[in-house]
């Protein structure tokens, strides 16, 4: 499930809309593209996809336009960044949202759509359309706008990842200088993540250093060590897809919030899989929450189904997390953490990895 699909599914659940559509606006072509939709059958989706692309008339690549040439609804959403409310009786010609609404009117008696723009930094990145059976009240529209604002935070992270990944993909690793630049980009990315989540600042660098040294102690060499290092640096990259309201929540998470949090390894796969250079490093971001007994997530892998990098990083990650101070508790003493890790051998952790880890700790003191 993609981040965009998560947004529309959560928006539908939060607002009770018949369904929700997410569109994105290309700054290069000024085309609006249907990107995600909730709870629709295959036939309506196919019909919607037939009208899913539309170039906004009057827009130039900078986003400036002669506003008189643009449909008022499109002008409100994509040029002025204002929400738009349209009923079936008010349909105009040639605009994407009303095309959707005309098709939607054949599904579940939908008669109205409320569209909130998604503003990312200084430009309109897209819009979130709530399709309903009746006109929304002022209070309901405020709820939709609030959800769109929250979705924008998630979208900002996704856009940032798109930009950074495109920069990475454009690099041709022809020599060592390019490789160094590539890795510097990753480290800058990680620093940005640490700034977002102050409580875990420094955690990424510590676990990266320890994971590489443990991997060396377990016999990994050369490119395998580089994959461990990059994977450890990016182990929490999927959390860019988790809303701040969950990631930065000071108290315990609800079951629903945990369900969202547990999606971050899947988000990491979405972000990193398009980049051939990083695919060998994905074992840690995707698998470090798997458990030896098969009760982990996201795939429920068990035993040696879990890549070795994921198994060794799981131990290092728990070690550092428990040794570190958090807002809700002080860091544990070393001996208490050792005993805790030993108690999870064969359940959470690979017994051979724990044995190697404890030998590594003893040799490192």
Protein backbone atom coordinates (compact mmCIF):
# COMPACT_ATOMS: atom_id res chain seq x y z
CA UNK A 1 0.00 0.00 0.00
CA UNK A 2 1.45 3.38 -1.01
CA UNK A 3 1.51 6.54 1.11
CA UNK A 4 -1.05 8.11 -1.24
CA UNK A 5 -3.39 5.15 -0.82
CA UNK A 6 -2.99 5.40 2.96
CA UNK A 7 -3.97 9.07 2.80
CA UNK A 8 -7.24 8.45 0.93
CA UNK A 9 -8.19 5.40 3.02
CA UNK A 10 -7.57 7.30 6.28
CA UNK A 11 -9.38 10.37 4.93
CA UNK A 12 -12.45 8.31 4.09
CA UNK A 13 -12.46 6.65 7.51
CA UNK A 14 -12.01 10.00 9.30
CA UNK A 15 -14.69 11.92 7.42
CA UNK A 16 -17.26 9.29 6.42
CA UNK A 17 -17.12 10.36 2.76
CA UNK A 18 -18.50 7.94 0.17
CA UNK A 19 -14.99 7.91 -1.26
CA UNK A 20 -11.93 10.11 -1.50
CA UNK A 21 -9.70 10.97 -4.46
CA UNK A 22 -6.13 12.30 -4.39
CA UNK A 23 -4.82 14.15 -7.44
CA UNK A 24 -1.32 15.46 -8.07
CA UNK A 25 -0.28 18.39 -10.24
CA UNK A 26 2.87 18.11 -12.36
CA UNK A 27 4.84 21.38 -12.20
CA UNK A 28 6.49 20.58 -15.55
CA UNK A 29 3.44 19.76 -17.66
CA UNK A 30 0.68 21.34 -15.54
CA UNK A 31 -1.24 18.07 -15.82
CA UNK A 32 -3.51 16.91 -13.03
CA UNK A 33 -3.27 13.17 -12.50
CA UNK A 34 -5.51 10.90 -10.43
CA UNK A 35 -3.04 9.24 -8.05
CA UNK A 36 -5.11 7.34 -5.46
CA UNK A 37 -8.74 6.63 -4.66
CA UNK A 38 -10.63 4.80 -1.93
CA UNK A 39 -13.27 2.07 -2.10
CA UNK A 40 -14.21 2.00 -5.77
CA UNK A 41 -15.00 -0.91 -8.06
CA UNK A 42 -12.84 -1.69 -11.08
CA UNK A 43 -15.30 -0.36 -13.70
CA UNK A 44 -15.68 3.15 -12.16
CA UNK A 45 -11.91 3.32 -11.69
CA UNK A 46 -11.31 2.45 -15.34
CA UNK A 47 -13.74 5.14 -16.44
CA UNK A 48 -12.09 7.66 -14.12
CA UNK A 49 -8.65 6.79 -15.43
CA UNK A 50 -9.86 7.67 -18.92
CA UNK A 51 -10.24 11.28 -17.76
CA UNK A 52 -7.45 11.18 -15.19
CA UNK A 53 -5.07 13.42 -17.11
CA UNK A 54 -5.91 16.99 -17.89
CA UNK A 55 -3.69 19.93 -18.69
CA UNK A 56 -4.85 23.03 -16.89
CA UNK A 57 -5.46 25.74 -19.53
CA UNK A 58 -3.72 29.05 -19.00
CA UNK A 59 -0.96 27.74 -16.74
CA UNK A 60 2.68 28.11 -17.70
CA UNK A 61 5.49 25.99 -16.13
CA UNK A 62 6.11 28.57 -13.40
CA UNK A 63 2.52 28.26 -12.21
CA UNK A 64 1.66 31.83 -13.19
CA UNK A 65 -1.34 32.23 -15.44
CA UNK A 66 -3.81 34.55 -17.03
CA UNK A 67 -6.52 33.68 -14.56
CA UNK A 68 -9.33 34.62 -16.89
CA UNK A 69 -8.37 31.65 -19.05
CA UNK A 70 -8.77 29.12 -16.25
CA UNK A 71 -11.96 27.45 -15.08
CA UNK A 72 -12.95 29.13 -11.77
CA UNK A 73 -12.91 25.84 -9.85
CA UNK A 74 -9.40 24.99 -11.07
CA UNK A 75 -8.30 28.55 -10.41
CA UNK A 76 -9.53 28.34 -6.82
CA UNK A 77 -7.79 25.02 -6.12
CA UNK A 78 -4.60 25.03 -8.15
CA UNK A 79 -3.79 28.73 -8.51
CA UNK A 80 -5.16 30.35 -5.36
CA UNK A 81 -4.83 27.37 -3.03
CA UNK A 82 -8.42 27.65 -1.82
CA UNK A 83 -10.89 24.79 -1.23
CA UNK A 84 -13.72 24.27 -3.71
CA UNK A 85 -17.23 22.94 -3.14
CA UNK A 86 -19.18 21.63 -6.15
CA UNK A 87 -22.60 19.98 -6.46
CA UNK A 88 -23.76 17.85 -9.37
CA UNK A 89 -26.06 20.67 -10.46
CA UNK A 90 -23.13 23.12 -10.69
CA UNK A 91 -20.95 21.03 -13.01
CA UNK A 92 -18.93 22.94 -15.55
CA UNK A 93 -17.16 21.58 -18.57
CA UNK A 94 -13.56 20.44 -18.86
CA UNK A 95 -12.32 20.36 -15.31
CA UNK A 96 -10.97 17.29 -13.63
CA UNK A 97 -12.88 17.39 -10.35
CA UNK A 98 -16.26 17.84 -12.01
CA UNK A 99 -15.45 15.04 -14.46
CA UNK A 100 -14.89 12.81 -11.44
CA UNK A 101 -18.08 14.02 -9.84
CA UNK A 102 -20.12 13.32 -12.97
CA UNK A 103 -18.81 9.74 -12.99
CA UNK A 104 -19.12 9.48 -9.21
CA UNK A 105 -22.79 10.40 -9.37
CA UNK A 106 -23.41 6.93 -10.82
CA UNK A 107 -21.80 5.33 -7.76
CA UNK A 108 -23.57 5.39 -4.43
CA UNK A 109 -25.73 8.46 -5.22
CA UNK A 110 -22.84 10.87 -4.82
CA UNK A 111 -24.05 14.42 -5.47
CA UNK A 112 -21.34 16.64 -4.03
CA UNK A 113 -17.57 16.98 -3.81
CA UNK A 114 -15.47 19.14 -1.51
CA UNK A 115 -11.88 19.57 -2.67
CA UNK A 116 -9.05 20.86 -0.49
CA UNK A 117 -5.70 21.77 -2.07
CA UNK A 118 -2.50 20.12 -0.86
CA UNK A 119 0.09 22.88 -0.58
CA UNK A 120 3.67 21.64 -0.28
CA UNK A 121 5.99 24.47 0.71
CA UNK A 122 5.25 27.27 -1.78
CA UNK A 123 3.30 25.43 -4.44
CA UNK A 124 0.11 23.41 -4.87
CA UNK A 125 1.17 19.78 -5.16
CA UNK A 126 -2.30 18.33 -5.61
CA UNK A 127 -5.74 18.11 -4.05
CA UNK A 128 -7.86 15.85 -1.86
CA UNK A 129 -11.49 15.47 -2.99
CA UNK A 130 -14.17 14.21 -0.59
CA UNK A 131 -17.15 12.78 -2.53
CA UNK A 132 -20.38 12.75 -0.50
CA UNK A 133 -24.09 12.10 -0.90
CA UNK A 134 -25.00 15.58 0.32
CA UNK A 135 -23.47 18.99 0.83
CA UNK A 136 -21.15 19.14 3.80
CA UNK A 137 -21.78 21.41 6.77
CA UNK A 138 -19.23 24.07 7.71
CA UNK A 139 -18.00 21.84 10.52
CA UNK A 140 -17.57 18.86 8.20
CA UNK A 141 -15.64 20.99 5.71
CA UNK A 142 -13.34 22.14 8.51
CA UNK A 143 -12.65 18.47 9.35
CA UNK A 144 -11.82 17.77 5.68
CA UNK A 145 -9.50 20.78 5.51
CA UNK A 146 -7.78 19.73 8.74
CA UNK A 147 -7.24 16.26 7.34
CA UNK A 148 -5.87 17.74 4.11
CA UNK A 149 -3.39 19.79 6.15
CA UNK A 150 -2.26 16.66 7.98
CA UNK A 151 -2.01 14.80 4.67
CA UNK A 152 0.16 17.63 3.35
CA UNK A 153 2.76 16.91 6.06
CA UNK A 154 2.93 13.33 4.85
CA UNK A 155 3.05 14.50 1.25
CA UNK A 156 5.88 16.93 2.05
CA UNK A 157 7.95 14.03 3.30
CA UNK A 158 7.12 11.98 0.20
CA UNK A 159 8.02 14.87 -2.10
CA UNK A 160 11.30 15.38 -0.24
CA UNK A 161 12.07 11.70 -0.71
CA UNK A 162 11.18 11.94 -4.41
CA UNK A 163 13.57 14.87 -4.80
CA UNK A 164 16.40 13.23 -2.91
CA UNK A 165 15.95 9.87 -4.59
CA UNK A 166 15.91 11.52 -8.01
CA UNK A 167 19.15 13.27 -7.13
CA UNK A 168 20.62 9.96 -6.05
CA UNK A 169 19.38 8.14 -9.14
CA UNK A 170 20.96 10.78 -11.38
CA UNK A 171 24.41 10.16 -9.93
CA UNK A 172 26.58 7.87 -12.02
CA UNK A 173 28.99 6.07 -9.75
CA UNK A 174 31.93 6.34 -12.16
CA UNK A 175 34.56 7.03 -9.50
CA UNK A 176 35.18 7.33 -5.80
CA UNK A 177 34.32 11.02 -5.71
CA UNK A 178 30.77 10.25 -6.86
CA UNK A 179 30.46 7.44 -4.31
CA UNK A 180 31.51 9.84 -1.54
CA UNK A 181 28.99 12.43 -2.76
CA UNK A 182 26.28 9.77 -2.83
CA UNK A 183 26.97 8.74 0.76
CA UNK A 184 27.15 12.37 1.88
CA UNK A 185 23.64 12.81 0.48
CA UNK A 186 22.44 9.84 2.54
CA UNK A 187 24.03 11.23 5.68
CA UNK A 188 22.47 14.64 5.08
CA UNK A 189 19.12 12.92 4.65
CA UNK A 190 19.58 11.13 7.97
CA UNK A 191 20.49 14.39 9.73
CA UNK A 192 17.22 15.84 8.44
CA UNK A 193 15.35 12.88 9.96
CA UNK A 194 17.13 13.39 13.30
CA UNK A 195 16.09 17.05 13.31
CA UNK A 196 12.48 15.98 12.84
CA UNK A 197 12.60 13.56 15.79
CA UNK A 198 14.79 15.26 18.40
CA UNK A 199 14.31 12.55 21.04
CA UNK A 200 16.27 9.99 19.00
CA UNK A 201 18.94 12.43 17.80
CA UNK A 202 22.29 10.65 17.54
CA UNK A 203 20.67 7.20 17.58
CA UNK A 204 21.19 6.61 13.86
CA UNK A 205 24.92 7.33 13.89
CA UNK A 206 25.48 5.20 17.00
CA UNK A 207 23.64 2.14 15.68
CA UNK A 208 25.31 2.52 12.28
CA UNK A 209 28.79 2.46 13.82
CA UNK A 210 27.94 -0.48 16.06
CA UNK A 211 26.19 -2.46 13.29
CA UNK A 212 29.21 -2.14 10.99
CA UNK A 213 31.63 -3.25 13.72
CA UNK A 214 29.39 -6.19 14.68
CA UNK A 215 29.10 -7.18 11.01
CA UNK A 216 32.91 -7.13 10.76
CA UNK A 217 33.16 -9.30 13.86
CA UNK A 218 30.76 -11.77 12.22
CA UNK A 219 32.91 -12.01 9.10
CA UNK A 220 31.24 -9.61 6.66
CA UNK A 221 33.63 -7.82 4.34
CA UNK A 222 33.81 -5.38 1.43
CA UNK A 223 30.53 -4.48 -0.24
CA UNK A 224 28.55 -6.42 2.38
CA UNK A 225 29.78 -3.98 5.03
CA UNK A 226 28.86 -1.02 2.83
CA UNK A 227 25.33 -2.40 2.45
CA UNK A 228 25.08 -2.80 6.24
CA UNK A 229 26.30 0.77 6.76
CA UNK A 230 23.86 2.29 4.26
CA UNK A 231 20.99 0.12 5.49
CA UNK A 232 21.67 1.14 9.09
CA UNK A 233 21.81 4.82 8.14
CA UNK A 234 18.43 4.47 6.40
CA UNK A 235 16.81 2.07 8.87
CA UNK A 236 14.10 4.58 9.88
CA UNK A 237 13.65 6.28 6.51
CA UNK A 238 10.13 4.84 6.26
CA UNK A 239 9.10 7.02 9.21
CA UNK A 240 9.01 9.98 6.83
CA UNK A 241 5.65 8.54 5.82
CA UNK A 242 4.31 8.56 9.41
CA UNK A 243 2.36 11.69 10.43
CA UNK A 244 3.94 13.90 13.10
CA UNK A 245 0.84 13.44 15.26
CA UNK A 246 1.85 9.78 15.65
CA UNK A 247 5.65 9.89 15.36
CA UNK A 248 6.02 12.71 17.90
CA UNK A 249 3.16 11.74 20.22
CA UNK A 250 4.39 12.08 23.82
CA UNK A 251 2.16 9.35 25.27
CA UNK A 252 1.46 5.73 24.31
CA UNK A 253 0.05 5.03 20.86
CA UNK A 254 -3.41 3.58 20.30
CA UNK A 255 -3.83 0.31 18.37
CA UNK A 256 -4.84 2.30 15.28
CA UNK A 257 -1.76 4.53 15.61
CA UNK A 258 0.48 1.48 16.02
CA UNK A 259 -1.02 0.05 12.85
CA UNK A 260 0.11 3.21 11.00
CA UNK A 261 3.55 3.16 12.67
CA UNK A 262 4.11 -0.47 11.64
CA UNK A 263 3.79 0.53 8.00
CA UNK A 264 7.14 2.35 8.01
CA UNK A 265 9.21 -0.65 6.80
CA UNK A 266 6.88 -0.87 3.80
CA UNK A 267 7.30 2.84 3.17
CA UNK A 268 11.08 2.31 3.24
CA UNK A 269 10.68 -0.27 0.50
CA UNK A 270 8.56 2.16 -1.54
CA UNK A 271 11.18 4.90 -1.18
CA UNK A 272 14.31 2.85 -1.80
CA UNK A 273 13.35 0.13 -4.27
CA UNK A 274 13.48 2.42 -7.33
CA UNK A 275 17.18 3.12 -6.63
CA UNK A 276 19.33 0.24 -7.87
CA UNK A 277 22.31 1.48 -5.84
CA UNK A 278 20.36 1.12 -2.57
CA UNK A 279 18.49 -2.14 -3.18
CA UNK A 280 21.21 -4.29 -1.55
CA UNK A 281 20.95 -2.06 1.54
CA UNK A 282 17.20 -2.58 1.96
CA UNK A 283 17.48 -5.65 4.23
CA UNK A 284 17.84 -3.48 7.34
CA UNK A 285 15.15 -0.81 6.66
CA UNK A 286 12.64 -3.47 5.66
CA UNK A 287 13.46 -6.34 8.04
CA UNK A 288 14.82 -5.00 11.33
CA UNK A 289 11.40 -5.39 13.00
CA UNK A 290 11.07 -9.05 12.01
CA UNK A 291 11.53 -11.56 14.86
CA UNK A 292 13.29 -14.93 14.98
CA UNK A 293 10.03 -16.69 15.98
CA UNK A 294 8.07 -15.14 13.08
CA UNK A 295 5.93 -12.75 15.14
CA UNK A 296 7.49 -9.53 13.83
CA UNK A 297 6.45 -7.22 11.00
CA UNK A 298 5.90 -6.32 8.20
CA UNK A 299 6.15 -9.79 6.59
CA UNK A 300 6.18 -12.14 9.59
CA UNK A 301 9.48 -13.70 8.50
CA UNK A 302 11.14 -16.15 10.87
CA UNK A 303 14.55 -17.73 11.45
CA UNK A 304 16.97 -17.50 8.55
CA UNK A 305 14.22 -16.18 6.28
CA UNK A 306 15.23 -12.85 7.84
CA UNK A 307 18.37 -11.53 6.12
CA UNK A 308 21.46 -11.59 8.34
CA UNK A 309 21.81 -7.80 8.17
CA UNK A 310 18.26 -7.44 9.52
CA UNK A 311 18.92 -9.95 12.31
CA UNK A 312 22.12 -8.34 13.54
CA UNK A 313 20.71 -4.82 13.31
CA UNK A 314 17.64 -5.82 15.37
CA UNK A 315 19.90 -6.57 18.34
CA UNK A 316 21.95 -3.38 17.93
CA UNK A 317 18.79 -1.25 17.59
CA UNK A 318 17.23 -2.61 20.80
CA UNK A 319 20.53 -2.27 22.66
CA UNK A 320 20.92 1.41 21.80
CA UNK A 321 17.23 2.24 22.35
CA UNK A 322 17.22 0.76 25.87
CA UNK A 323 20.58 2.28 26.81
CA UNK A 324 19.42 5.78 25.75
CA UNK A 325 17.37 8.27 27.75
CA UNK A 326 13.86 8.90 26.52
CA UNK A 327 11.30 11.48 27.60
CA UNK A 328 9.30 8.80 29.39
CA UNK A 329 12.23 6.87 31.02
CA UNK A 330 15.93 6.95 31.78
CA UNK A 331 18.33 4.72 29.87
CA UNK A 332 18.87 1.27 31.37
CA UNK A 333 22.22 0.17 32.83
CA UNK A 334 24.28 -2.14 30.62
CA UNK A 335 23.76 -5.28 32.67
CA UNK A 336 19.97 -4.88 32.66
CA UNK A 337 19.98 -4.52 28.87
CA UNK A 338 22.20 -7.61 28.51
CA UNK A 339 19.77 -9.66 30.58
CA UNK A 340 16.81 -8.35 28.62
CA UNK A 341 18.40 -9.29 25.28
CA UNK A 342 19.32 -12.74 26.61
CA UNK A 343 15.70 -13.25 27.71
CA UNK A 344 14.58 -12.74 24.10
CA UNK A 345 17.00 -15.22 22.50
CA UNK A 346 15.08 -17.61 20.26
CA UNK A 347 11.99 -15.40 20.33
CA UNK A 348 12.95 -11.93 19.13
CA UNK A 349 16.63 -12.54 18.36
CA UNK A 350 18.79 -15.04 16.46
CA UNK A 351 20.74 -16.99 19.15
CA UNK A 352 23.98 -16.98 17.12
CA UNK A 353 23.76 -13.23 16.54
CA UNK A 354 23.22 -12.56 20.25
CA UNK A 355 26.20 -14.75 21.11
CA UNK A 356 28.37 -12.83 18.62
CA UNK A 357 27.01 -9.51 19.89
CA UNK A 358 27.87 -10.23 23.52
CA UNK A 359 31.37 -11.38 22.53
CA UNK A 360 31.71 -8.15 20.56
CA UNK A 361 30.65 -6.07 23.58
CA UNK A 362 33.14 -7.85 25.82
CA UNK A 363 35.98 -7.34 23.34
CA UNK A 364 35.04 -3.69 22.87
CA UNK A 365 35.32 -2.71 26.53
